[in-house]
Amino acid sequence: MGNISKNPKDEAREIFLSSTALFSNVLAFFVAFLATGPIYTHTVGFIHAFAVSQYGAGLASLAAIVWGGIVAVGVFALSRATVATAFTLGAMAIAARFF
């Protein structure tokens, strides 16, 4: 059985942390949706040329596809970390000012 009498501060902290995570994920998905295409478009030429020169023309298409996944995951992870950090620091600054 779980602890029935939880501390209200702990419950509020859990709600805040889960809300921060949800907000960060949604905003990071939106940023990744908008930024992945332009970043991929500007960098795939270099990746394709590099793959052709190092591994041959047969693997260049596979390298371009894998690069698309790397760009999408990288943009999502970077934006999620940035949003989560900024949101948490902003909330701490507001809480420190009022409490």
C-alpha atoms as a PDB file:
ATOM      1  CA  MET A   1       0.000   0.000   0.000  1.00  0.00           C
ATOM      2  CA  GLY A   2       1.087   3.532  -0.687  1.00  0.00           C
ATOM      3  CA  ASN A   3       1.510   6.301   1.782  1.00  0.00           C
ATOM      4  CA  ILE A   4      -1.984   7.675   2.358  1.00  0.00           C
ATOM      5  CA  SER A   5      -0.971  10.871   4.142  1.00  0.00           C
ATOM      6  CA  LYS A   6       1.276  12.602   1.626  1.00  0.00           C
ATOM      7  CA  ASN A   7       2.761  15.970   2.273  1.00  0.00           C
ATOM      8  CA  PRO A   8       0.847  18.641   0.290  1.00  0.00           C
ATOM      9  CA  LYS A   9       4.139  20.280  -0.704  1.00  0.00           C
ATOM     10  CA  ASP A  10       5.340  17.001  -2.222  1.00  0.00           C
ATOM     11  CA  GLU A  11       2.092  16.617  -4.137  1.00  0.00           C
ATOM     12  CA  ALA A  12       2.351  20.168  -5.462  1.00  0.00           C
ATOM     13  CA  ARG A  13       5.962  19.544  -6.476  1.00  0.00           C
ATOM     14  CA  GLU A  14       4.984  16.373  -8.348  1.00  0.00           C
ATOM     15  CA  ILE A  15       2.204  18.205 -10.173  1.00  0.00           C
ATOM     16  CA  PHE A  16       4.599  21.016 -11.103  1.00  0.00           C
ATOM     17  CA  LEU A  17       7.266  18.611 -12.358  1.00  0.00           C
ATOM     18  CA  SER A  18       4.833  16.555 -14.421  1.00  0.00           C
ATOM     19  CA  SER A  19       3.326  19.729 -15.897  1.00  0.00           C
ATOM     20  CA  THR A  20       6.794  21.029 -16.723  1.00  0.00           C
ATOM     21  CA  ALA A  21       7.656  17.769 -18.468  1.00  0.00           C
ATOM     22  CA  LEU A  22       4.422  17.792 -20.470  1.00  0.00           C
ATOM     23  CA  PHE A  23       4.842  21.444 -21.455  1.00  0.00           C
ATOM     24  CA  SER A  24       8.463  20.823 -22.451  1.00  0.00           C
ATOM     25  CA  ASN A  25       7.543  17.814 -24.570  1.00  0.00           C
ATOM     26  CA  VAL A  26       4.746  19.602 -26.403  1.00  0.00           C
ATOM     27  CA  LEU A  27       6.795  22.704 -27.119  1.00  0.00           C
ATOM     28  CA  ALA A  28       9.842  20.634 -28.105  1.00  0.00           C
ATOM     29  CA  PHE A  29       7.719  18.610 -30.541  1.00  0.00           C
ATOM     30  CA  PHE A  30       6.441  21.851 -32.073  1.00  0.00           C
ATOM     31  CA  VAL A  31       9.959  23.272 -32.407  1.00  0.00           C
ATOM     32  CA  ALA A  32      11.243  19.996 -33.866  1.00  0.00           C
ATOM     33  CA  PHE A  33       8.371  19.975 -36.357  1.00  0.00           C
ATOM     34  CA  LEU A  34       9.245  23.485 -37.521  1.00  0.00           C
ATOM     35  CA  ALA A  35      13.050  23.281 -37.409  1.00  0.00           C
ATOM     36  CA  THR A  36      13.853  19.770 -38.629  1.00  0.00           C
ATOM     37  CA  GLY A  37      12.986  20.433 -42.279  1.00  0.00           C
ATOM     38  CA  PRO A  38      15.124  23.547 -42.767  1.00  0.00           C
ATOM     39  CA  ILE A  39      18.079  22.128 -40.836  1.00  0.00           C
ATOM     40  CA  TYR A  40      17.899  18.856 -42.754  1.00  0.00           C
ATOM     41  CA  THR A  41      17.620  20.666 -46.089  1.00  0.00           C
ATOM     42  CA  HIS A  42      20.696  22.787 -45.415  1.00  0.00           C
ATOM     43  CA  THR A  43      22.865  19.910 -44.174  1.00  0.00           C
ATOM     44  CA  VAL A  44      21.852  16.837 -46.176  1.00  0.00           C
ATOM     45  CA  GLY A  45      23.968  17.842 -49.185  1.00  0.00           C
ATOM     46  CA  PHE A  46      27.117  17.747 -47.094  1.00  0.00           C
ATOM     47  CA  ILE A  47      26.150  14.415 -45.505  1.00  0.00           C
ATOM     48  CA  HIS A  48      25.366  12.889 -48.901  1.00  0.00           C
ATOM     49  CA  ALA A  49      28.651  14.098 -50.421  1.00  0.00           C
ATOM     50  CA  PHE A  50      30.596  12.862 -47.400  1.00  0.00           C
ATOM     51  CA  ALA A  51      28.904   9.446 -47.532  1.00  0.00           C
ATOM     52  CA  VAL A  52      29.647   9.110 -51.259  1.00  0.00           C
ATOM     53  CA  SER A  53      33.298  10.028 -50.786  1.00  0.00           C
ATOM     54  CA  GLN A  54      33.849   7.774 -47.769  1.00  0.00           C
ATOM     55  CA  TYR A  55      31.498   4.824 -48.269  1.00  0.00           C
ATOM     56  CA  GLY A  56      30.368   4.864 -51.902  1.00  0.00           C
ATOM     57  CA  ALA A  57      27.153   5.804 -53.635  1.00  0.00           C
ATOM     58  CA  GLY A  58      25.304   2.742 -52.334  1.00  0.00           C
ATOM     59  CA  LEU A  59      25.191   3.961 -48.745  1.00  0.00           C
ATOM     60  CA  ALA A  60      24.611   7.648 -49.471  1.00  0.00           C
ATOM     61  CA  SER A  61      20.820   7.347 -49.474  1.00  0.00           C
ATOM     62  CA  LEU A  62      20.847   5.392 -46.239  1.00  0.00           C
ATOM     63  CA  ALA A  63      23.130   7.992 -44.688  1.00  0.00           C
ATOM     64  CA  ALA A  64      20.714  10.757 -45.723  1.00  0.00           C
ATOM     65  CA  ILE A  65      17.766   8.922 -44.152  1.00  0.00           C
ATOM     66  CA  VAL A  66      19.665   8.254 -40.931  1.00  0.00           C
ATOM     67  CA  TRP A  67      20.775  11.884 -40.892  1.00  0.00           C
ATOM     68  CA  GLY A  68      17.119  12.958 -41.011  1.00  0.00           C
ATOM     69  CA  GLY A  69      16.416  10.916 -37.878  1.00  0.00           C
ATOM     70  CA  ILE A  70      19.490  12.288 -36.126  1.00  0.00           C
ATOM     71  CA  VAL A  71      18.469  15.858 -36.918  1.00  0.00           C
ATOM     72  CA  ALA A  72      14.892  15.308 -35.706  1.00  0.00           C
ATOM     73  CA  VAL A  73      15.947  13.668 -32.431  1.00  0.00           C
ATOM     74  CA  GLY A  74      18.714  16.201 -31.863  1.00  0.00           C
ATOM     75  CA  VAL A  75      16.438  19.206 -32.396  1.00  0.00           C
ATOM     76  CA  PHE A  76      13.782  17.670 -30.139  1.00  0.00           C
ATOM     77  CA  ALA A  77      16.269  16.884 -27.358  1.00  0.00           C
ATOM     78  CA  LEU A  78      17.956  20.283 -27.480  1.00  0.00           C
ATOM     79  CA  SER A  79      14.678  22.186 -27.505  1.00  0.00           C
ATOM     80  CA  ARG A  80      13.242  20.031 -24.706  1.00  0.00           C
ATOM     81  CA  ALA A  81      16.282  20.627 -22.525  1.00  0.00           C
ATOM     82  CA  THR A  82      16.194  24.351 -23.254  1.00  0.00           C
ATOM     83  CA  VAL A  83      12.478  24.724 -22.581  1.00  0.00           C
ATOM     84  CA  ALA A  84      12.563  22.614 -19.418  1.00  0.00           C
ATOM     85  CA  THR A  85      15.508  24.554 -18.035  1.00  0.00           C
ATOM     86  CA  ALA A  86      14.061  27.952 -18.895  1.00  0.00           C
ATOM     87  CA  PHE A  87      10.627  27.086 -17.552  1.00  0.00           C
ATOM     88  CA  THR A  88      12.005  25.663 -14.307  1.00  0.00           C
ATOM     89  CA  LEU A  89      14.355  28.602 -13.731  1.00  0.00           C
ATOM     90  CA  GLY A  90      11.584  31.052 -14.515  1.00  0.00           C
ATOM     91  CA  ALA A  91       9.226  29.346 -12.090  1.00  0.00           C
ATOM     92  CA  MET A  92      11.921  29.348  -9.409  1.00  0.00           C
ATOM     93  CA  ALA A  93      12.554  33.047  -9.944  1.00  0.00           C
ATOM     94  CA  ILE A  94       8.863  33.818  -9.618  1.00  0.00           C
ATOM     95  CA  ALA A  95       8.533  31.612  -6.553  1.00  0.00           C
ATOM     96  CA  ALA A  96      11.592  33.208  -4.933  1.00  0.00           C
ATOM     97  CA  ARG A  97      10.170  36.641  -5.529  1.00  0.00           C
ATOM     98  CA  PHE A  98       6.767  35.926  -4.001  1.00  0.00           C
ATOM     99  CA  PHE A  99       7.630  33.416  -1.288  1.00  0.00           C
END
